[in-house]
Amino acid sequence: MDTSTYRRTTVAGLAAVALAVAGCSNGTSVGVSAQEPQVALVVTSEVPAPPAEVKLIGERDVEVTLTGPIAAKYASASDKQKSALGKPLTGDHNAGTRDSGVVFQQFQGGAIVAKNSQSGTPAYIIWGKIREAWNVQRDADGVPAATGTNGSAGPLGVVTSDETPIGDQLVATFEHGKIAYNTKTGQVEVTVNGKVVPSGL
């Protein structure tokens, strides 16, 4: 894959300093000013561009092409995260763009989700018990309901963070709440619009 780089130039320390020197002579003040020469410091560095696409072998040896924020997130994921995600799933219901503009790719062990497909939009990995709780069908208040909605279309909305360890918990945030998984007790706490609701698990 061709990896291009962006060249970033940083210009620092460009300033002119006026120095005023005052002296006294025969009871009168004499003002003298001098201007320091302008100084510029130029620093350049090369930063790899996010990949336009990432090609993976999915289930049944089908090639899957990740693009946009999904490709960028996968490319920046650690080896441990990639291993936990596993192979990408194929088919329209496992990848694509929702009516809301949300883009997603399901994997054997999780999913990568972004609010939209625009370049620079952050994408997040969701998996395990947090993903299971996010996928529970819920009514508008977040209470589990067979006729409710789930995932990004549900009351929690789109995921807005990767799992973050906080004490004994792994916590992921969403547009309208959060899900916390206690790694010691196995309990899952779902909060929708500031209110704790049943996890449904």
N, C-alpha and C. Protein backbone atom coordinates (compact mmCIF):
# COMPACT_ATOMS: atom_id res chain seq x y z
N MET A 1 0.85 -1.17 0.00
CA MET A 1 0.00 0.00 0.00
C MET A 1 0.89 1.23 0.00
N ASP A 2 0.53 2.18 -0.78
CA ASP A 2 1.29 3.42 -0.87
C ASP A 2 0.98 4.27 0.35
N THR A 3 2.00 4.65 1.09
CA THR A 3 1.78 5.51 2.25
C THR A 3 2.45 6.84 1.99
N SER A 4 1.64 7.83 1.81
CA SER A 4 2.19 9.17 1.60
C SER A 4 2.33 9.85 2.95
N THR A 5 3.06 10.92 2.95
CA THR A 5 3.25 11.64 4.21
C THR A 5 2.89 13.09 4.03
N TYR A 6 2.47 13.65 5.10
CA TYR A 6 2.21 15.08 5.13
C TYR A 6 3.46 15.75 5.68
N ARG A 7 3.81 16.85 5.16
CA ARG A 7 4.92 17.61 5.71
C ARG A 7 4.32 18.75 6.51
N ARG A 8 4.67 18.76 7.75
CA ARG A 8 4.18 19.82 8.62
C ARG A 8 5.33 20.74 8.95
N THR A 9 5.10 21.99 8.81
CA THR A 9 6.13 22.97 9.12
C THR A 9 5.66 23.81 10.29
N THR A 10 6.49 23.90 11.24
CA THR A 10 6.17 24.69 12.41
C THR A 10 7.11 25.87 12.46
N VAL A 11 6.55 27.02 12.56
CA VAL A 11 7.37 28.22 12.68
C VAL A 11 7.18 28.74 14.09
N ALA A 12 8.27 28.82 14.81
CA ALA A 12 8.18 29.26 16.20
C ALA A 12 9.18 30.36 16.45
N GLY A 13 8.86 31.19 17.36
CA GLY A 13 9.78 32.21 17.82
C GLY A 13 9.93 33.40 16.91
N LEU A 14 8.95 33.67 16.06
CA LEU A 14 9.03 34.80 15.16
C LEU A 14 8.49 36.01 15.91
N ALA A 15 9.38 36.88 16.32
CA ALA A 15 8.93 38.03 17.10
C ALA A 15 9.92 39.17 16.98
N ALA A 16 9.41 40.35 17.07
CA ALA A 16 10.27 41.52 17.11
C ALA A 16 10.11 42.14 18.49
N VAL A 17 11.20 42.46 19.10
CA VAL A 17 11.15 43.00 20.46
C VAL A 17 11.71 44.41 20.43
N ALA A 18 10.95 45.31 20.96
CA ALA A 18 11.43 46.69 21.05
C ALA A 18 12.02 46.89 22.44
N LEU A 19 13.16 47.47 22.49
CA LEU A 19 13.84 47.69 23.75
C LEU A 19 13.97 49.20 23.97
N ALA A 20 13.41 49.64 25.05
CA ALA A 20 13.48 51.08 25.34
C ALA A 20 14.49 51.30 26.45
N VAL A 21 15.36 52.18 26.20
CA VAL A 21 16.37 52.51 27.20
C VAL A 21 16.23 54.00 27.52
N ALA A 22 16.09 54.26 28.76
CA ALA A 22 15.94 55.66 29.16
C ALA A 22 17.17 56.09 29.95
N GLY A 23 17.59 57.27 29.73
CA GLY A 23 18.74 57.78 30.45
C GLY A 23 18.47 59.20 30.94
N CYS A 24 19.25 59.65 31.84
CA CYS A 24 19.08 61.01 32.37
C CYS A 24 20.32 61.83 32.03
N SER A 25 20.10 63.02 31.56
CA SER A 25 21.21 63.91 31.27
C SER A 25 20.76 65.32 31.56
N ASN A 26 21.42 65.96 32.48
CA ASN A 26 21.10 67.33 32.88
C ASN A 26 19.63 67.49 33.26
N GLY A 27 19.05 66.47 33.92
CA GLY A 27 17.68 66.58 34.39
C GLY A 27 16.64 66.33 33.32
N THR A 28 17.03 66.01 32.11
CA THR A 28 16.05 65.72 31.07
C THR A 28 16.16 64.25 30.69
N SER A 29 15.03 63.66 30.32
CA SER A 29 15.01 62.25 29.92
C SER A 29 15.23 62.14 28.43
N VAL A 30 16.05 61.22 28.09
CA VAL A 30 16.30 60.97 26.69
C VAL A 30 15.87 59.54 26.42
N GLY A 31 14.95 59.31 25.47
CA GLY A 31 14.48 57.96 25.15
C GLY A 31 15.25 57.42 23.96
N VAL A 32 15.75 56.21 24.12
CA VAL A 32 16.47 55.56 23.05
C VAL A 32 15.80 54.21 22.83
N SER A 33 15.50 53.86 21.62
CA SER A 33 14.91 52.54 21.37
C SER A 33 15.73 51.82 20.33
N ALA A 34 15.77 50.53 20.49
CA ALA A 34 16.47 49.69 19.53
C ALA A 34 15.57 48.51 19.21
N GLN A 35 15.64 48.01 18.02
CA GLN A 35 14.80 46.87 17.65
C GLN A 35 15.70 45.66 17.45
N GLU A 36 15.33 44.57 18.14
CA GLU A 36 16.06 43.31 17.98
C GLU A 36 15.80 42.77 16.58
N PRO A 37 16.74 42.08 16.03
CA PRO A 37 16.49 41.47 14.72
C PRO A 37 15.43 40.37 14.84
N GLN A 38 14.69 40.14 13.77
CA GLN A 38 13.69 39.08 13.78
C GLN A 38 14.40 37.74 13.68
N VAL A 39 13.87 36.76 14.45
CA VAL A 39 14.47 35.44 14.48
C VAL A 39 13.39 34.43 14.15
N ALA A 40 13.67 33.49 13.28
CA ALA A 40 12.70 32.45 12.93
C ALA A 40 13.34 31.08 13.13
N LEU A 41 12.58 30.18 13.71
CA LEU A 41 13.03 28.80 13.89
C LEU A 41 12.06 27.93 13.11
N VAL A 42 12.55 27.18 12.16
CA VAL A 42 11.70 26.33 11.33
C VAL A 42 12.02 24.87 11.65
N VAL A 43 10.97 24.13 12.03
CA VAL A 43 11.12 22.72 12.35
C VAL A 43 10.20 21.94 11.42
N THR A 44 10.71 20.91 10.77
CA THR A 44 9.87 20.10 9.90
C THR A 44 9.87 18.67 10.40
N SER A 45 8.75 18.00 10.21
CA SER A 45 8.65 16.59 10.54
C SER A 45 7.69 15.93 9.57
N GLU A 46 7.88 14.65 9.38
CA GLU A 46 6.99 13.92 8.48
C GLU A 46 6.10 13.02 9.32
N VAL A 47 4.79 13.12 9.08
CA VAL A 47 3.80 12.32 9.80
C VAL A 47 3.08 11.46 8.77
N PRO A 48 2.98 10.14 9.00
CA PRO A 48 2.29 9.30 8.03
C PRO A 48 0.83 9.73 7.86
N ALA A 49 0.38 9.75 6.63
CA ALA A 49 -1.02 10.08 6.35
C ALA A 49 -1.88 8.89 6.74
N PRO A 50 -3.11 9.15 7.22
CA PRO A 50 -3.99 8.02 7.49
C PRO A 50 -4.28 7.28 6.19
N PRO A 51 -4.38 5.96 6.24
CA PRO A 51 -4.59 5.22 5.00
C PRO A 51 -5.97 5.50 4.41
N ALA A 52 -6.03 5.58 3.09
CA ALA A 52 -7.31 5.78 2.41
C ALA A 52 -8.15 4.51 2.50
N GLU A 53 -7.47 3.38 2.52
CA GLU A 53 -8.18 2.11 2.66
C GLU A 53 -7.26 1.05 3.23
N VAL A 54 -7.89 0.05 3.84
CA VAL A 54 -7.17 -1.10 4.39
C VAL A 54 -7.88 -2.34 3.86
N LYS A 55 -7.14 -3.25 3.27
CA LYS A 55 -7.72 -4.49 2.74
C LYS A 55 -7.42 -5.62 3.71
N LEU A 56 -8.47 -6.38 4.07
CA LEU A 56 -8.35 -7.51 4.98
C LEU A 56 -9.03 -8.73 4.37
N ILE A 57 -8.66 -9.89 4.84
CA ILE A 57 -9.34 -11.11 4.43
C ILE A 57 -10.36 -11.44 5.52
N GLY A 58 -11.63 -11.47 5.13
CA GLY A 58 -12.71 -11.72 6.07
C GLY A 58 -13.13 -13.17 6.09
N GLU A 59 -14.32 -13.39 6.59
CA GLU A 59 -14.86 -14.75 6.65
C GLU A 59 -14.91 -15.36 5.26
N ARG A 60 -14.76 -16.67 5.21
CA ARG A 60 -14.81 -17.43 3.95
C ARG A 60 -13.81 -16.89 2.93
N ASP A 61 -12.71 -16.30 3.43
CA ASP A 61 -11.63 -15.78 2.58
C ASP A 61 -12.09 -14.70 1.60
N VAL A 62 -13.11 -13.94 1.97
CA VAL A 62 -13.60 -12.84 1.15
C VAL A 62 -12.81 -11.58 1.51
N GLU A 63 -12.31 -10.87 0.49
CA GLU A 63 -11.57 -9.64 0.75
C GLU A 63 -12.54 -8.52 1.16
N VAL A 64 -12.19 -7.82 2.23
CA VAL A 64 -12.99 -6.71 2.74
C VAL A 64 -12.12 -5.46 2.70
N THR A 65 -12.66 -4.37 2.15
CA THR A 65 -11.93 -3.11 2.08
C THR A 65 -12.53 -2.12 3.07
N LEU A 66 -11.72 -1.69 4.03
CA LEU A 66 -12.13 -0.66 4.98
C LEU A 66 -11.72 0.68 4.41
N THR A 67 -12.57 1.70 4.58
CA THR A 67 -12.25 3.03 4.07
C THR A 67 -12.53 4.09 5.13
N GLY A 68 -12.06 5.31 4.87
CA GLY A 68 -12.35 6.47 5.72
C GLY A 68 -11.98 6.27 7.17
N PRO A 69 -12.84 6.74 8.09
CA PRO A 69 -12.54 6.65 9.52
C PRO A 69 -12.37 5.21 10.01
N ILE A 70 -13.09 4.27 9.38
CA ILE A 70 -12.98 2.86 9.79
C ILE A 70 -11.57 2.35 9.48
N ALA A 71 -11.06 2.67 8.29
CA ALA A 71 -9.70 2.27 7.90
C ALA A 71 -8.67 2.92 8.81
N ALA A 72 -8.85 4.21 9.09
CA ALA A 72 -7.89 4.93 9.94
C ALA A 72 -7.85 4.32 11.34
N LYS A 73 -9.02 3.99 11.90
CA LYS A 73 -9.05 3.40 13.25
C LYS A 73 -8.40 2.03 13.25
N TYR A 74 -8.72 1.21 12.27
CA TYR A 74 -8.13 -0.13 12.22
C TYR A 74 -6.61 -0.04 12.08
N ALA A 75 -6.15 0.86 11.22
CA ALA A 75 -4.71 1.01 11.00
C ALA A 75 -3.99 1.46 12.27
N SER A 76 -4.67 2.25 13.12
CA SER A 76 -4.03 2.75 14.34
C SER A 76 -4.24 1.82 15.54
N ALA A 77 -5.04 0.77 15.37
CA ALA A 77 -5.31 -0.15 16.48
C ALA A 77 -4.05 -0.95 16.82
N SER A 78 -3.94 -1.33 18.08
CA SER A 78 -2.81 -2.15 18.52
C SER A 78 -2.99 -3.58 18.00
N ASP A 79 -1.92 -4.35 18.03
CA ASP A 79 -2.00 -5.76 17.62
C ASP A 79 -3.01 -6.50 18.49
N LYS A 80 -3.05 -6.17 19.78
CA LYS A 80 -3.99 -6.81 20.70
C LYS A 80 -5.43 -6.50 20.30
N GLN A 81 -5.70 -5.24 19.94
CA GLN A 81 -7.05 -4.85 19.52
C GLN A 81 -7.43 -5.56 18.22
N LYS A 82 -6.50 -5.61 17.27
CA LYS A 82 -6.78 -6.27 15.99
C LYS A 82 -7.06 -7.75 16.20
N SER A 83 -6.29 -8.38 17.08
CA SER A 83 -6.49 -9.79 17.37
C SER A 83 -7.86 -10.02 18.01
N ALA A 84 -8.25 -9.15 18.95
CA ALA A 84 -9.55 -9.28 19.61
C ALA A 84 -10.71 -9.03 18.64
N LEU A 85 -10.53 -8.11 17.70
CA LEU A 85 -11.58 -7.86 16.71
C LEU A 85 -11.78 -9.09 15.81
N GLY A 86 -10.69 -9.73 15.43
CA GLY A 86 -10.79 -10.89 14.55
C GLY A 86 -11.04 -10.47 13.11
N LYS A 87 -11.59 -11.38 12.34
CA LYS A 87 -11.83 -11.12 10.92
C LYS A 87 -13.06 -10.23 10.73
N PRO A 88 -13.04 -9.39 9.69
CA PRO A 88 -14.24 -8.58 9.40
C PRO A 88 -15.35 -9.48 8.84
N LEU A 89 -16.58 -9.14 9.21
CA LEU A 89 -17.74 -9.87 8.69
C LEU A 89 -18.16 -9.25 7.36
N THR A 90 -18.79 -10.04 6.53
CA THR A 90 -19.19 -9.58 5.21
C THR A 90 -20.71 -9.47 5.12
N GLY A 91 -21.17 -8.80 4.09
CA GLY A 91 -22.61 -8.63 3.87
C GLY A 91 -23.07 -7.24 4.28
N ASP A 92 -24.15 -6.78 3.66
CA ASP A 92 -24.65 -5.43 3.89
C ASP A 92 -25.03 -5.15 5.34
N HIS A 93 -25.53 -6.15 6.04
CA HIS A 93 -25.94 -5.92 7.43
C HIS A 93 -24.75 -5.88 8.39
N ASN A 94 -23.56 -6.22 7.91
CA ASN A 94 -22.36 -6.21 8.75
C ASN A 94 -21.44 -5.03 8.50
N ALA A 95 -21.73 -4.24 7.49
CA ALA A 95 -20.90 -3.08 7.18
C ALA A 95 -21.70 -2.12 6.32
N GLY A 96 -21.39 -0.85 6.45
CA GLY A 96 -22.06 0.12 5.59
C GLY A 96 -22.33 1.43 6.28
N THR A 97 -23.35 2.12 5.77
CA THR A 97 -23.73 3.44 6.27
C THR A 97 -25.21 3.41 6.64
N ARG A 98 -25.52 3.80 7.86
CA ARG A 98 -26.91 3.89 8.32
C ARG A 98 -27.56 5.13 7.71
N ASP A 99 -28.89 5.20 7.78
CA ASP A 99 -29.62 6.38 7.28
C ASP A 99 -29.14 7.66 7.97
N SER A 100 -28.69 7.53 9.22
CA SER A 100 -28.21 8.69 9.99
C SER A 100 -26.84 9.17 9.54
N GLY A 101 -26.17 8.38 8.69
CA GLY A 101 -24.81 8.71 8.26
C GLY A 101 -23.74 7.95 9.01
N VAL A 102 -24.12 7.26 10.09
CA VAL A 102 -23.17 6.47 10.88
C VAL A 102 -22.58 5.37 9.99
N VAL A 103 -21.25 5.21 10.05
CA VAL A 103 -20.58 4.15 9.30
C VAL A 103 -20.07 3.10 10.29
N PHE A 104 -20.07 1.84 9.85
CA PHE A 104 -19.69 0.76 10.76
C PHE A 104 -19.12 -0.42 9.99
N GLN A 105 -18.33 -1.20 10.70
CA GLN A 105 -17.84 -2.48 10.20
C GLN A 105 -17.86 -3.45 11.37
N GLN A 106 -18.62 -4.53 11.21
CA GLN A 106 -18.67 -5.58 12.22
C GLN A 106 -17.51 -6.54 12.01
N PHE A 107 -16.97 -7.04 13.11
CA PHE A 107 -15.92 -8.05 13.09
C PHE A 107 -16.40 -9.24 13.92
N GLN A 108 -15.65 -10.33 13.88
CA GLN A 108 -16.02 -11.50 14.68
C GLN A 108 -16.11 -11.16 16.16
N GLY A 109 -15.24 -10.27 16.65
CA GLY A 109 -15.20 -9.98 18.08
C GLY A 109 -15.58 -8.56 18.46
N GLY A 110 -16.15 -7.79 17.56
CA GLY A 110 -16.50 -6.41 17.90
C GLY A 110 -16.90 -5.63 16.68
N ALA A 111 -16.81 -4.32 16.78
CA ALA A 111 -17.16 -3.45 15.66
C ALA A 111 -16.36 -2.16 15.75
N ILE A 112 -16.19 -1.51 14.61
CA ILE A 112 -15.63 -0.16 14.56
C ILE A 112 -16.74 0.73 14.03
N VAL A 113 -16.99 1.84 14.73
CA VAL A 113 -18.12 2.72 14.41
C VAL A 113 -17.64 4.17 14.38
N ALA A 114 -18.16 4.95 13.42
CA ALA A 114 -17.88 6.39 13.35
C ALA A 114 -19.18 7.12 13.05
N LYS A 115 -19.29 8.34 13.53
CA LYS A 115 -20.51 9.15 13.35
C LYS A 115 -20.82 9.42 11.88
N ASN A 116 -19.77 9.54 11.05
CA ASN A 116 -19.96 9.73 9.61
C ASN A 116 -18.69 9.30 8.89
N SER A 117 -18.71 9.39 7.58
CA SER A 117 -17.58 8.91 6.78
C SER A 117 -16.59 10.00 6.40
N GLN A 118 -16.77 11.20 6.93
CA GLN A 118 -15.88 12.30 6.57
C GLN A 118 -14.47 12.07 7.10
N SER A 119 -13.50 12.47 6.31
CA SER A 119 -12.10 12.36 6.72
C SER A 119 -11.89 13.12 8.03
N GLY A 120 -11.18 12.51 8.94
CA GLY A 120 -10.90 13.15 10.22
C GLY A 120 -11.92 12.85 11.30
N THR A 121 -13.05 12.24 10.94
CA THR A 121 -14.04 11.86 11.95
C THR A 121 -13.47 10.71 12.77
N PRO A 122 -13.49 10.81 14.10
CA PRO A 122 -12.95 9.70 14.89
C PRO A 122 -13.86 8.48 14.84
N ALA A 123 -13.26 7.31 14.84
CA ALA A 123 -13.99 6.05 14.90
C ALA A 123 -13.57 5.35 16.19
N TYR A 124 -14.43 4.47 16.69
CA TYR A 124 -14.16 3.82 17.97
C TYR A 124 -14.43 2.32 17.86
N ILE A 125 -13.70 1.57 18.67
CA ILE A 125 -13.87 0.12 18.74
C ILE A 125 -14.82 -0.19 19.90
N ILE A 126 -15.79 -1.04 19.64
CA ILE A 126 -16.73 -1.47 20.69
C ILE A 126 -16.82 -2.99 20.63
N TRP A 127 -16.78 -3.63 21.81
CA TRP A 127 -16.81 -5.08 21.86
C TRP A 127 -17.23 -5.58 23.23
N GLY A 128 -17.28 -6.89 23.37
CA GLY A 128 -17.55 -7.52 24.66
C GLY A 128 -18.89 -7.16 25.25
N LYS A 129 -18.94 -7.14 26.58
CA LYS A 129 -20.19 -6.88 27.30
C LYS A 129 -20.75 -5.49 27.00
N ILE A 130 -19.87 -4.53 26.76
CA ILE A 130 -20.35 -3.18 26.44
C ILE A 130 -21.10 -3.20 25.11
N ARG A 131 -20.55 -3.89 24.14
CA ARG A 131 -21.23 -4.00 22.84
C ARG A 131 -22.55 -4.75 22.99
N GLU A 132 -22.54 -5.83 23.79
CA GLU A 132 -23.78 -6.59 24.00
C GLU A 132 -24.87 -5.71 24.59
N ALA A 133 -24.52 -4.90 25.59
CA ALA A 133 -25.51 -4.02 26.23
C ALA A 133 -25.99 -2.94 25.26
N TRP A 134 -25.09 -2.43 24.42
CA TRP A 134 -25.44 -1.41 23.42
C TRP A 134 -26.42 -1.99 22.40
N ASN A 135 -26.28 -3.29 22.11
CA ASN A 135 -27.12 -3.93 21.10
C ASN A 135 -28.46 -4.44 21.65
N VAL A 136 -28.70 -4.26 22.96
CA VAL A 136 -30.00 -4.63 23.53
C VAL A 136 -31.05 -3.65 23.01
N GLN A 137 -32.18 -4.18 22.54
CA GLN A 137 -33.26 -3.29 22.08
C GLN A 137 -33.84 -2.57 23.29
N ARG A 138 -34.00 -1.24 23.16
CA ARG A 138 -34.45 -0.39 24.27
C ARG A 138 -35.52 0.58 23.79
N ASP A 139 -36.40 0.97 24.75
CA ASP A 139 -37.37 2.01 24.42
C ASP A 139 -36.67 3.37 24.48
N ALA A 140 -37.41 4.43 24.26
CA ALA A 140 -36.81 5.78 24.20
C ALA A 140 -36.12 6.18 25.50
N ASP A 141 -36.56 5.61 26.64
CA ASP A 141 -35.95 5.92 27.94
C ASP A 141 -34.75 5.03 28.25
N GLY A 142 -34.49 4.04 27.39
CA GLY A 142 -33.35 3.16 27.60
C GLY A 142 -33.69 1.84 28.27
N VAL A 143 -34.95 1.64 28.61
CA VAL A 143 -35.37 0.39 29.25
C VAL A 143 -35.48 -0.70 28.18
N PRO A 144 -34.92 -1.89 28.44
CA PRO A 144 -35.02 -2.96 27.45
C PRO A 144 -36.47 -3.23 27.04
N ALA A 145 -36.70 -3.32 25.72
CA ALA A 145 -38.04 -3.54 25.19
C ALA A 145 -37.93 -4.24 23.85
N ALA A 146 -38.74 -5.28 23.66
CA ALA A 146 -38.70 -6.06 22.42
C ALA A 146 -39.00 -5.21 21.19
N THR A 147 -39.75 -4.14 21.36
CA THR A 147 -40.11 -3.28 20.23
C THR A 147 -39.21 -2.05 20.12
N GLY A 148 -38.13 -2.02 20.89
CA GLY A 148 -37.24 -0.86 20.89
C GLY A 148 -36.22 -0.88 19.78
N THR A 149 -35.26 0.01 19.88
CA THR A 149 -34.16 0.10 18.91
C THR A 149 -32.84 -0.13 19.64
N ASN A 150 -31.81 -0.46 18.88
CA ASN A 150 -30.52 -0.74 19.51
C ASN A 150 -29.38 -0.12 18.73
N GLY A 151 -28.17 -0.30 19.25
CA GLY A 151 -26.99 0.23 18.58
C GLY A 151 -27.06 1.73 18.42
N SER A 152 -26.51 2.23 17.32
CA SER A 152 -26.47 3.69 17.10
C SER A 152 -27.85 4.28 16.91
N ALA A 153 -28.83 3.47 16.48
CA ALA A 153 -30.20 3.95 16.31
C ALA A 153 -30.97 3.96 17.63
N GLY A 154 -30.42 3.32 18.66
CA GLY A 154 -31.08 3.24 19.95
C GLY A 154 -30.90 4.50 20.78
N PRO A 155 -31.42 4.48 22.02
CA PRO A 155 -31.40 5.67 22.86
C PRO A 155 -30.00 6.10 23.32
N LEU A 156 -29.02 5.21 23.30
CA LEU A 156 -27.65 5.60 23.66
C LEU A 156 -26.99 6.39 22.53
N GLY A 157 -27.37 6.11 21.29
CA GLY A 157 -26.76 6.78 20.15
C GLY A 157 -25.41 6.19 19.79
N VAL A 158 -24.62 6.97 19.09
CA VAL A 158 -23.33 6.52 18.56
C VAL A 158 -22.28 6.50 19.68
N VAL A 159 -21.41 5.51 19.62
CA VAL A 159 -20.29 5.42 20.56
C VAL A 159 -19.36 6.61 20.35
N THR A 160 -18.88 7.20 21.46
CA THR A 160 -18.01 8.38 21.38
C THR A 160 -16.66 8.18 22.06
N SER A 161 -16.36 6.93 22.45
CA SER A 161 -15.04 6.64 23.01
C SER A 161 -14.76 5.15 22.89
N ASP A 162 -13.49 4.81 22.92
CA ASP A 162 -13.11 3.42 23.11
C ASP A 162 -13.34 3.10 24.58
N GLU A 163 -13.24 1.83 24.94
CA GLU A 163 -13.30 1.46 26.35
C GLU A 163 -12.15 2.13 27.09
N THR A 164 -12.47 2.69 28.25
CA THR A 164 -11.45 3.32 29.08
C THR A 164 -11.46 2.64 30.44
N PRO A 165 -10.31 2.14 30.92
CA PRO A 165 -10.28 1.53 32.24
C PRO A 165 -10.38 2.59 33.34
N ILE A 166 -11.33 2.41 34.24
CA ILE A 166 -11.50 3.29 35.40
C ILE A 166 -11.68 2.38 36.61
N GLY A 167 -10.64 2.23 37.40
CA GLY A 167 -10.69 1.29 38.52
C GLY A 167 -10.91 -0.12 38.00
N ASP A 168 -11.94 -0.80 38.54
CA ASP A 168 -12.27 -2.16 38.12
C ASP A 168 -13.18 -2.19 36.90
N GLN A 169 -13.49 -1.02 36.35
CA GLN A 169 -14.45 -0.96 35.26
C GLN A 169 -13.81 -0.60 33.92
N LEU A 170 -14.47 -1.06 32.87
CA LEU A 170 -14.20 -0.58 31.52
C LEU A 170 -15.42 0.25 31.15
N VAL A 171 -15.20 1.48 30.70
CA VAL A 171 -16.30 2.40 30.43
C VAL A 171 -16.20 2.91 29.01
N ALA A 172 -17.33 2.90 28.30
CA ALA A 172 -17.42 3.51 26.98
C ALA A 172 -18.53 4.55 27.03
N THR A 173 -18.30 5.67 26.36
CA THR A 173 -19.31 6.73 26.33
C THR A 173 -20.02 6.73 24.98
N PHE A 174 -21.24 7.27 25.01
CA PHE A 174 -22.09 7.34 23.83
C PHE A 174 -22.70 8.74 23.77
N GLU A 175 -23.34 9.07 22.67
CA GLU A 175 -23.95 10.39 22.53
C GLU A 175 -24.88 10.73 23.70
N HIS A 176 -25.60 9.73 24.19
CA HIS A 176 -26.61 9.99 25.22
C HIS A 176 -26.43 9.16 26.48
N GLY A 177 -25.20 8.75 26.75
CA GLY A 177 -25.00 7.98 27.97
C GLY A 177 -23.67 7.27 28.02
N LYS A 178 -23.64 6.21 28.83
CA LYS A 178 -22.41 5.43 28.96
C LYS A 178 -22.76 4.01 29.39
N ILE A 179 -21.82 3.11 29.16
CA ILE A 179 -21.95 1.74 29.62
C ILE A 179 -20.66 1.40 30.35
N ALA A 180 -20.81 0.85 31.56
CA ALA A 180 -19.66 0.46 32.38
C ALA A 180 -19.74 -1.04 32.66
N TYR A 181 -18.63 -1.72 32.42
CA TYR A 181 -18.53 -3.16 32.68
C TYR A 181 -17.51 -3.37 33.79
N ASN A 182 -17.97 -3.98 34.90
CA ASN A 182 -17.08 -4.26 36.03
C ASN A 182 -16.36 -5.58 35.75
N THR A 183 -15.06 -5.51 35.57
CA THR A 183 -14.28 -6.69 35.19
C THR A 183 -14.15 -7.70 36.33
N LYS A 184 -14.40 -7.28 37.58
CA LYS A 184 -14.31 -8.21 38.72
C LYS A 184 -15.64 -8.89 39.00
N THR A 185 -16.74 -8.14 38.92
CA THR A 185 -18.05 -8.71 39.26
C THR A 185 -18.81 -9.18 38.03
N GLY A 186 -18.42 -8.70 36.85
CA GLY A 186 -19.13 -9.05 35.62
C GLY A 186 -20.41 -8.26 35.41
N GLN A 187 -20.71 -7.32 36.30
CA GLN A 187 -21.93 -6.52 36.17
C GLN A 187 -21.76 -5.41 35.14
N VAL A 188 -22.86 -5.12 34.46
CA VAL A 188 -22.88 -4.07 33.45
C VAL A 188 -23.88 -3.01 33.89
N GLU A 189 -23.45 -1.75 33.88
CA GLU A 189 -24.33 -0.64 34.23
C GLU A 189 -24.52 0.24 33.01
N VAL A 190 -25.78 0.47 32.65
CA VAL A 190 -26.12 1.29 31.48
C VAL A 190 -26.77 2.57 31.97
N THR A 191 -26.26 3.70 31.50
CA THR A 191 -26.81 5.01 31.85
C THR A 191 -27.25 5.69 30.57
N VAL A 192 -28.53 6.08 30.51
CA VAL A 192 -29.09 6.77 29.35
C VAL A 192 -29.61 8.12 29.82
N ASN A 193 -29.10 9.19 29.23
CA ASN A 193 -29.50 10.55 29.60
C ASN A 193 -29.45 10.79 31.11
N GLY A 194 -28.37 10.32 31.73
CA GLY A 194 -28.15 10.55 33.16
C GLY A 194 -28.89 9.60 34.09
N LYS A 195 -29.67 8.66 33.56
CA LYS A 195 -30.45 7.74 34.39
C LYS A 195 -29.97 6.31 34.18
N VAL A 196 -29.68 5.60 35.28
CA VAL A 196 -29.27 4.20 35.19
C VAL A 196 -30.50 3.37 34.85
N VAL A 197 -30.35 2.51 33.84
CA VAL A 197 -31.44 1.64 33.38
C VAL A 197 -30.96 0.19 33.41
N PRO A 198 -31.88 -0.78 33.38
CA PRO A 198 -31.45 -2.18 33.35
C PRO A 198 -30.57 -2.47 32.14
N SER A 199 -29.56 -3.31 32.35
CA SER A 199 -28.64 -3.62 31.25
C SER A 199 -29.29 -4.47 30.18
N GLY A 200 -30.24 -5.31 30.59
CA GLY A 200 -30.89 -6.19 29.63
C GLY A 200 -30.09 -7.44 29.32
N LEU A 201 -28.98 -7.64 30.03
CA LEU A 201 -28.15 -8.83 29.80
C LEU A 201 -28.47 -9.92 30.81
